[in-house]
């Protein structure tokens, strides 16, 4: 045990004297760890945000299809679904899109009557009602940023005759709900019907709240069998879709890093194989002092392990700073896209043990595996051979 500890101490001291020899490998490893760690943590953060915000959603969603396109859903379906046993409530929704002429962006218009029951992430003006009136609205943070409006200002929206209607902004959503609400304008259902000339007998879709979450798939099948023209999906499927999208986009970045990783490993192999004179002389001295092949290999692998671990750790730290304080400016265009409907939003940094394991599999482990054979070739040299090789 003391021998192993002494080798570890000597490895750190020798590395400190020859740190310039490892600078190149350390720098490239740091960049790879930064890219992989940033992509993995960003995708994980998006997936966690989606799962957290979807937890309070209705378990089943119902939409009416015609010729493969979504059309208005009759109120009779809402009444019939509500009468089924095991259903706690049915939430009819109205939603569509609004092209803003000022910011040249597209925002979502959605009905939201009962704020306290539907969303917990709202900042209301003092003395504001918990229910939206026909002259009030709620907006996402992205709309406030794009339009330059503030809480208490009035928002002007055109109706189906192009006449302008004014709505007072009484509240906005906090950053925790950005992923779903940042570019959404919430009005009362009656306001949207007046804007669009939409009859009371039609809804855009339905959200079905169940007493038992485990019965979501069964109820989805029952509703789909009763109404063949509707599309039914569960919130669990929606969460899985979000997770798959973020994971796929994160995978694109990781697989994009693979060619750079392979090139680095090839170059690292060449640099480690072509040992410097100082390394040959050091190995000859250690072998002359009675060090075994195992001891020399352990010494060299410890040095490379120190460098790789420090580089990966710094890379993960940079990924944290990049995603948290710089809003993932380098990776966001790849992982989120350039859509004008859903531009950037703020997320919380998230990286679990599984994410760290992925980073290690793409950085630390391949590098150490590349080091084994060159280190073994150096360790098996006799003192005389090592001296001759260093000349």
Protein backbone atom coordinates (compact mmCIF):
# COMPACT_ATOMS: atom_id res chain seq x y z
CA UNK A 1 0.00 0.00 0.00
CA UNK A 2 2.82 2.40 0.87
CA UNK A 3 4.54 1.53 -2.42
CA UNK A 4 1.39 2.40 -4.38
CA UNK A 5 1.00 5.66 -2.47
CA UNK A 6 4.63 6.56 -3.13
CA UNK A 7 4.18 5.89 -6.86
CA UNK A 8 1.10 8.13 -6.90
CA UNK A 9 3.01 10.95 -5.18
CA UNK A 10 6.01 10.54 -7.50
CA UNK A 11 3.70 10.55 -10.55
CA UNK A 12 2.18 13.89 -9.54
CA UNK A 13 5.64 15.39 -8.83
CA UNK A 14 7.09 14.15 -12.11
CA UNK A 15 4.02 15.41 -13.99
CA UNK A 16 4.46 18.84 -12.45
CA UNK A 17 8.05 18.96 -13.75
CA UNK A 18 7.01 17.89 -17.26
CA UNK A 19 3.53 19.39 -17.55
CA UNK A 20 4.34 21.02 -20.91
CA UNK A 21 4.57 17.53 -22.48
CA UNK A 22 0.90 16.88 -21.72
CA UNK A 23 -0.52 20.31 -22.58
CA UNK A 24 -1.71 19.41 -26.09
CA UNK A 25 -3.55 16.25 -25.01
CA UNK A 26 -5.07 18.05 -22.04
CA UNK A 27 -6.34 20.96 -24.16
CA UNK A 28 -8.01 18.77 -26.80
CA UNK A 29 -9.56 16.51 -24.15
CA UNK A 30 -10.95 19.60 -22.41
CA UNK A 31 -12.62 20.77 -25.64
CA UNK A 32 -14.15 17.36 -26.34
CA UNK A 33 -15.42 17.04 -22.75
CA UNK A 34 -16.89 20.55 -23.01
CA UNK A 35 -18.80 19.78 -26.22
CA UNK A 36 -20.05 16.35 -25.12
CA UNK A 37 -20.86 17.51 -21.58
CA UNK A 38 -22.64 20.62 -22.82
CA UNK A 39 -24.76 18.66 -25.30
CA UNK A 40 -25.62 15.90 -22.82
CA UNK A 41 -26.48 18.29 -19.98
CA UNK A 42 -28.52 20.56 -22.27
CA UNK A 43 -30.56 17.63 -23.60
CA UNK A 44 -31.03 16.27 -20.08
CA UNK A 45 -32.15 19.69 -18.86
CA UNK A 46 -34.72 20.00 -21.65
CA UNK A 47 -36.06 16.52 -20.95
CA UNK A 48 -36.34 17.23 -17.22
CA UNK A 49 -38.13 20.52 -17.92
CA UNK A 50 -40.60 18.73 -20.18
CA UNK A 51 -41.29 15.98 -17.64
CA UNK A 52 -41.69 18.45 -14.76
CA UNK A 53 -44.11 20.74 -16.55
CA UNK A 54 -46.05 17.85 -18.09
CA UNK A 55 -46.75 16.33 -14.67
CA UNK A 56 -49.78 18.58 -14.11
CA UNK A 57 -51.20 18.09 -17.60
CA UNK A 58 -54.36 16.10 -18.36
CA UNK A 59 -53.47 12.48 -19.02
CA UNK A 60 -55.33 12.14 -22.35
CA UNK A 61 -55.73 14.55 -25.28
CA UNK A 62 -58.43 14.32 -27.97
CA UNK A 63 -58.35 16.06 -31.38
CA UNK A 64 -60.71 15.90 -34.36
CA UNK A 65 -59.24 15.01 -37.76
CA UNK A 66 -60.61 15.53 -41.26
CA UNK A 67 -58.62 14.60 -44.37
CA UNK A 68 -55.64 14.13 -42.07
CA UNK A 69 -55.83 17.70 -40.76
CA UNK A 70 -57.03 18.90 -37.35
CA UNK A 71 -60.43 20.64 -37.42
CA UNK A 72 -62.90 21.86 -34.80
CA UNK A 73 -64.02 19.20 -32.32
CA UNK A 74 -67.81 19.11 -31.59
CA UNK A 75 -68.95 19.83 -28.04
CA UNK A 76 -71.03 16.62 -28.16
CA UNK A 77 -67.80 14.60 -27.97
CA UNK A 78 -66.75 16.55 -24.86
CA UNK A 79 -70.11 15.80 -23.21
CA UNK A 80 -69.93 12.12 -24.10
CA UNK A 81 -66.33 11.73 -22.90
CA UNK A 82 -67.17 13.50 -19.63
CA UNK A 83 -69.94 10.96 -18.97
CA UNK A 84 -67.49 8.03 -19.02
CA UNK A 85 -66.72 6.46 -15.64
CA UNK A 86 -63.27 7.19 -14.24
CA UNK A 87 -62.94 10.64 -15.84
CA UNK A 88 -62.47 13.47 -13.37
CA UNK A 89 -62.77 16.45 -15.73
CA UNK A 90 -62.60 17.43 -19.39
CA UNK A 91 -60.74 20.63 -20.30
CA UNK A 92 -61.84 22.09 -23.67
CA UNK A 93 -59.20 24.26 -25.33
CA UNK A 94 -59.09 26.83 -28.08
CA UNK A 95 -55.76 27.68 -29.66
CA UNK A 96 -54.26 28.95 -32.89
CA UNK A 97 -51.51 31.22 -34.18
CA UNK A 98 -50.96 34.96 -34.46
CA UNK A 99 -48.38 36.59 -36.77
CA UNK A 100 -47.17 39.71 -35.01
CA UNK A 101 -46.53 42.57 -37.44
CA UNK A 102 -44.24 44.45 -35.05
CA UNK A 103 -41.74 41.70 -34.19
CA UNK A 104 -42.30 39.58 -37.36
CA UNK A 105 -42.63 36.51 -35.13
CA UNK A 106 -45.38 33.93 -34.79
CA UNK A 107 -47.05 33.50 -31.40
CA UNK A 108 -49.57 31.00 -30.13
CA UNK A 109 -53.02 32.19 -28.99
CA UNK A 110 -54.63 29.93 -26.41
CA UNK A 111 -57.66 29.99 -24.15
CA UNK A 112 -57.04 29.73 -20.43
CA UNK A 113 -59.94 30.54 -18.12
CA UNK A 114 -59.00 28.99 -14.79
CA UNK A 115 -55.47 30.05 -13.99
CA UNK A 116 -55.29 28.64 -10.47
CA UNK A 117 -56.19 25.13 -11.60
CA UNK A 118 -54.20 25.05 -14.82
CA UNK A 119 -50.79 26.64 -14.24
CA UNK A 120 -48.82 27.51 -11.08
CA UNK A 121 -46.19 29.66 -12.80
CA UNK A 122 -47.94 33.02 -13.25
CA UNK A 123 -47.01 36.51 -12.04
CA UNK A 124 -50.20 38.61 -11.79
CA UNK A 125 -50.55 42.32 -11.34
CA UNK A 126 -51.70 43.41 -7.85
CA UNK A 127 -55.46 43.07 -7.37
CA UNK A 128 -55.82 41.08 -10.60
CA UNK A 129 -58.56 38.49 -10.86
CA UNK A 130 -57.65 34.82 -10.98
CA UNK A 131 -59.96 34.48 -13.99
CA UNK A 132 -59.31 36.08 -17.34
CA UNK A 133 -61.89 38.63 -18.44
CA UNK A 134 -62.80 39.38 -22.04
CA UNK A 135 -60.56 42.46 -21.94
CA UNK A 136 -57.50 40.92 -20.25
CA UNK A 137 -54.75 38.52 -21.27
CA UNK A 138 -51.67 36.67 -20.04
CA UNK A 139 -48.47 36.42 -22.04
CA UNK A 140 -45.25 34.47 -22.05
CA UNK A 141 -41.91 36.11 -21.35
CA UNK A 142 -40.84 35.79 -24.98
CA UNK A 143 -43.73 37.92 -26.18
CA UNK A 144 -42.86 40.68 -23.72
CA UNK A 145 -39.25 40.65 -24.92
CA UNK A 146 -40.21 40.71 -28.61
CA UNK A 147 -42.96 43.33 -28.38
CA UNK A 148 -41.37 45.64 -25.81
CA UNK A 149 -44.57 45.64 -23.76
CA UNK A 150 -44.77 45.33 -19.98
CA UNK A 151 -47.31 44.18 -17.42
CA UNK A 152 -50.20 46.63 -17.36
CA UNK A 153 -49.82 47.63 -21.03
CA UNK A 154 -52.46 46.95 -23.65
CA UNK A 155 -52.08 44.42 -26.44
CA UNK A 156 -53.92 44.96 -29.74
CA UNK A 157 -55.07 41.87 -31.68
CA UNK A 158 -57.05 41.76 -34.97
CA UNK A 159 -60.36 39.89 -35.20
CA UNK A 160 -61.64 37.97 -38.23
CA UNK A 161 -62.74 41.30 -39.82
CA UNK A 162 -59.29 42.87 -39.20
CA UNK A 163 -60.72 45.14 -36.50
CA UNK A 164 -58.36 45.74 -33.59
CA UNK A 165 -59.28 44.57 -30.09
CA UNK A 166 -57.38 45.77 -27.02
CA UNK A 167 -56.47 43.44 -24.13
CA UNK A 168 -54.76 44.49 -20.90
CA UNK A 169 -51.73 42.37 -19.95
CA UNK A 170 -52.43 41.42 -16.34
CA UNK A 171 -49.79 38.71 -15.89
CA UNK A 172 -46.88 36.75 -17.32
CA UNK A 173 -45.40 33.31 -16.78
CA UNK A 174 -42.22 32.80 -14.77
CA UNK A 175 -39.08 31.29 -16.26
CA UNK A 176 -39.95 27.80 -14.95
CA UNK A 177 -42.61 27.48 -17.67
CA UNK A 178 -40.59 28.98 -20.53
CA UNK A 179 -40.37 25.77 -22.51
CA UNK A 180 -44.18 25.71 -22.98
CA UNK A 181 -45.30 29.32 -22.54
CA UNK A 182 -42.57 31.72 -23.60
CA UNK A 183 -44.21 32.58 -26.92
CA UNK A 184 -47.87 32.14 -26.00
CA UNK A 185 -50.66 34.68 -25.48
CA UNK A 186 -53.48 33.49 -23.23
CA UNK A 187 -57.01 34.87 -23.58
CA UNK A 188 -60.39 33.82 -22.28
CA UNK A 189 -62.29 31.32 -24.42
CA UNK A 190 -64.99 33.90 -25.13
CA UNK A 191 -62.38 36.41 -26.35
CA UNK A 192 -60.93 33.91 -28.80
CA UNK A 193 -64.39 32.96 -30.10
CA UNK A 194 -65.11 36.63 -30.76
CA UNK A 195 -61.75 37.15 -32.49
CA UNK A 196 -62.10 34.12 -34.74
CA UNK A 197 -65.91 34.03 -35.07
CA UNK A 198 -65.69 30.53 -33.62
CA UNK A 199 -69.02 28.90 -32.54
CA UNK A 200 -69.59 27.68 -28.96
CA UNK A 201 -70.24 24.17 -30.27
CA UNK A 202 -66.62 23.64 -31.43
CA UNK A 203 -63.31 23.31 -29.59
CA UNK A 204 -59.76 22.94 -30.87
CA UNK A 205 -59.09 19.91 -28.69
CA UNK A 206 -59.86 18.35 -25.30
CA UNK A 207 -57.71 17.55 -22.28
CA UNK A 208 -59.06 14.64 -20.25
CA UNK A 209 -58.20 14.42 -16.54
CA UNK A 210 -58.46 10.94 -15.00
CA UNK A 211 -58.78 9.76 -11.43
CA UNK A 212 -56.21 7.01 -12.07
CA UNK A 213 -53.13 7.95 -14.10
CA UNK A 214 -52.42 4.30 -14.87
CA UNK A 215 -55.63 4.02 -16.90
CA UNK A 216 -54.59 6.62 -19.47
CA UNK A 217 -53.83 4.12 -22.24
CA UNK A 218 -57.08 2.22 -21.65
CA UNK A 219 -59.17 5.39 -21.83
CA UNK A 220 -57.31 6.50 -24.95
CA UNK A 221 -58.21 3.21 -26.64
CA UNK A 222 -61.87 3.47 -25.57
CA UNK A 223 -62.22 7.01 -26.91
CA UNK A 224 -60.47 6.12 -30.17
CA UNK A 225 -62.75 3.09 -30.67
CA UNK A 226 -65.88 5.14 -29.96
CA UNK A 227 -64.84 7.97 -32.32
CA UNK A 228 -62.73 6.64 -35.24
CA UNK A 229 -62.26 10.15 -36.70
CA UNK A 230 -60.46 11.55 -33.65
CA UNK A 231 -56.79 11.39 -32.74
CA UNK A 232 -56.12 10.40 -29.13
CA UNK A 233 -52.75 10.50 -27.40
CA UNK A 234 -51.56 10.48 -23.81
CA UNK A 235 -49.41 13.01 -21.97
CA UNK A 236 -46.93 10.20 -21.35
CA UNK A 237 -46.50 9.80 -25.12
CA UNK A 238 -46.07 13.56 -25.37
CA UNK A 239 -43.34 13.53 -22.72
CA UNK A 240 -41.63 10.62 -24.48
CA UNK A 241 -41.69 12.57 -27.75
CA UNK A 242 -40.05 15.59 -26.11
CA UNK A 243 -37.42 13.36 -24.50
CA UNK A 244 -36.74 11.61 -27.82
CA UNK A 245 -36.39 14.93 -29.67
CA UNK A 246 -33.95 16.41 -27.18
CA UNK A 247 -32.02 13.15 -26.93
CA UNK A 248 -31.79 12.85 -30.73
CA UNK A 249 -30.51 16.40 -31.11
CA UNK A 250 -27.99 15.88 -28.33
CA UNK A 251 -26.89 12.71 -30.08
CA UNK A 252 -26.27 14.68 -33.28
CA UNK A 253 -23.74 16.84 -31.44
CA UNK A 254 -22.09 13.85 -29.78
CA UNK A 255 -21.78 11.91 -33.04
CA UNK A 256 -20.47 15.07 -34.67
CA UNK A 257 -17.68 15.07 -32.09
CA UNK A 258 -16.73 11.44 -32.87
CA UNK A 259 -14.53 12.23 -35.91
CA UNK A 260 -12.65 14.83 -33.87
CA UNK A 261 -12.28 12.31 -31.03
CA UNK A 262 -10.90 9.63 -33.40
CA UNK A 263 -8.43 12.10 -34.92
CA UNK A 264 -7.32 13.13 -31.45
CA UNK A 265 -6.82 9.52 -30.35
CA UNK A 266 -4.69 8.81 -33.42
CA UNK A 267 -2.57 11.89 -32.77
CA UNK A 268 -2.36 11.10 -29.06
CA UNK A 269 -1.16 7.58 -29.92
CA UNK A 270 1.60 9.04 -32.08
CA UNK A 271 2.67 11.58 -29.47
CA UNK A 272 2.74 9.03 -26.66
CA UNK A 273 4.57 6.45 -28.81
CA UNK A 274 7.28 8.97 -29.79
CA UNK A 275 8.53 9.54 -26.29
CA UNK A 276 10.92 12.38 -25.64
CA UNK A 277 14.54 11.94 -24.61
CA UNK A 278 13.61 13.00 -21.09
CA UNK A 279 11.08 10.18 -20.82
CA UNK A 280 13.56 7.58 -22.09
CA UNK A 281 16.24 8.77 -19.65
CA UNK A 282 13.70 8.82 -16.80
CA UNK A 283 12.58 5.28 -17.62
CA UNK A 284 16.19 4.08 -17.80
CA UNK A 285 16.87 5.61 -14.40
CA UNK A 286 13.78 4.00 -12.84
CA UNK A 287 14.57 0.58 -14.34
CA UNK A 288 18.13 0.92 -13.13
CA UNK A 289 16.87 1.62 -9.61
CA UNK A 290 14.93 -1.65 -9.66
CA UNK A 291 11.47 -0.55 -10.75
CA UNK A 292 9.45 -3.34 -12.35
CA UNK A 293 7.51 -3.14 -15.62
CA UNK A 294 4.28 -2.95 -13.65
CA UNK A 295 5.57 -0.04 -11.54
CA UNK A 296 6.68 1.94 -14.58
CA UNK A 297 3.40 1.30 -16.39
CA UNK A 298 1.45 2.35 -13.30
CA UNK A 299 3.51 5.53 -13.04
CA UNK A 300 2.92 6.55 -16.67
CA UNK A 301 -0.79 5.62 -16.64
CA UNK A 302 -1.26 7.60 -13.44
CA UNK A 303 0.28 10.65 -15.11
CA UNK A 304 -2.00 10.35 -18.13
CA UNK A 305 -4.92 9.64 -15.81
CA UNK A 306 -4.22 12.81 -13.84
CA UNK A 307 -4.12 14.86 -17.03
CA UNK A 308 -7.27 13.29 -18.48
CA UNK A 309 -9.26 13.58 -15.24
CA UNK A 310 -8.31 17.22 -14.78
CA UNK A 311 -9.14 18.01 -18.42
CA UNK A 312 -12.53 16.29 -18.30
CA UNK A 313 -13.35 17.98 -14.99
CA UNK A 314 -12.50 21.41 -16.40
CA UNK A 315 -14.48 20.60 -19.54
CA UNK A 316 -17.57 19.77 -17.48
CA UNK A 317 -17.07 22.96 -15.47
CA UNK A 318 -16.94 24.97 -18.70
CA UNK A 319 -20.09 23.19 -19.91
CA UNK A 320 -21.86 24.17 -16.68
CA UNK A 321 -20.78 27.81 -16.99
CA UNK A 322 -21.66 27.87 -20.69
CA UNK A 323 -25.16 26.42 -20.21
CA UNK A 324 -25.97 28.31 -17.01
CA UNK A 325 -24.47 31.77 -17.39
CA UNK A 326 -24.17 32.09 -21.18
CA UNK A 327 -27.52 30.42 -21.98
CA UNK A 328 -25.80 27.69 -24.06
CA UNK A 329 -25.04 30.20 -26.80
CA UNK A 330 -22.81 27.82 -28.81
CA UNK A 331 -25.00 24.70 -28.64
CA UNK A 332 -28.50 26.21 -28.58
CA UNK A 333 -28.83 26.75 -32.38
CA UNK A 334 -28.09 23.05 -32.92
CA UNK A 335 -30.13 21.57 -30.07
CA UNK A 336 -33.17 23.85 -30.25
CA UNK A 337 -33.20 25.03 -33.86
CA UNK A 338 -33.88 28.38 -35.47
CA UNK A 339 -37.70 28.24 -35.37
CA UNK A 340 -39.49 31.59 -35.12
CA UNK A 341 -42.39 29.91 -33.33
CA UNK A 342 -40.28 28.70 -30.40
CA UNK A 343 -37.10 30.79 -30.02
CA UNK A 344 -34.74 30.57 -27.08
CA UNK A 345 -35.89 29.88 -23.54
CA UNK A 346 -34.18 29.59 -20.18
CA UNK A 347 -33.58 26.21 -18.54
CA UNK A 348 -31.99 24.88 -15.39
CA UNK A 349 -28.67 23.01 -15.66
CA UNK A 350 -29.06 19.27 -15.13
CA UNK A 351 -26.46 16.48 -15.25
CA UNK A 352 -26.88 13.15 -13.52
CA UNK A 353 -24.52 10.25 -12.98
CA UNK A 354 -25.61 8.68 -16.26
CA UNK A 355 -24.74 11.88 -18.15
CA UNK A 356 -21.31 12.02 -16.50
CA UNK A 357 -20.77 8.36 -17.45
CA UNK A 358 -21.51 9.23 -21.10
CA UNK A 359 -18.91 12.00 -21.01
CA UNK A 360 -16.32 9.67 -19.48
CA UNK A 361 -17.02 7.03 -22.14
CA UNK A 362 -16.29 9.59 -24.87
CA UNK A 363 -13.21 11.14 -23.26
CA UNK A 364 -11.41 9.54 -20.33
CA UNK A 365 -11.78 5.85 -21.18
CA UNK A 366 -10.71 6.04 -24.87
CA UNK A 367 -7.71 8.18 -23.97
CA UNK A 368 -6.51 5.78 -21.26
CA UNK A 369 -7.01 2.81 -23.60
CA UNK A 370 -4.85 4.52 -26.24
CA UNK A 371 -2.14 5.10 -23.63
CA UNK A 372 -1.78 1.44 -22.59
CA UNK A 373 0.23 0.02 -25.53
CA UNK A 374 2.73 2.94 -25.90
CA UNK A 375 3.29 2.97 -22.14
CA UNK A 376 3.84 -0.80 -22.13
CA UNK A 377 6.39 -0.51 -24.97
CA UNK A 378 8.29 2.07 -22.96
CA UNK A 379 8.08 0.10 -19.71
CA UNK A 380 9.48 -3.16 -21.13
CA UNK A 381 12.70 -1.51 -22.31
CA UNK A 382 15.83 -2.38 -20.39
CA UNK A 383 17.89 0.50 -18.96
CA UNK A 384 20.46 0.16 -21.76
CA UNK A 385 17.79 0.06 -24.50
CA UNK A 386 16.05 3.10 -23.00
CA UNK A 387 19.32 5.05 -22.98
CA UNK A 388 20.04 4.14 -26.60
CA UNK A 389 16.47 5.08 -27.66
CA UNK A 390 16.83 8.47 -26.01
CA UNK A 391 19.97 9.36 -27.94
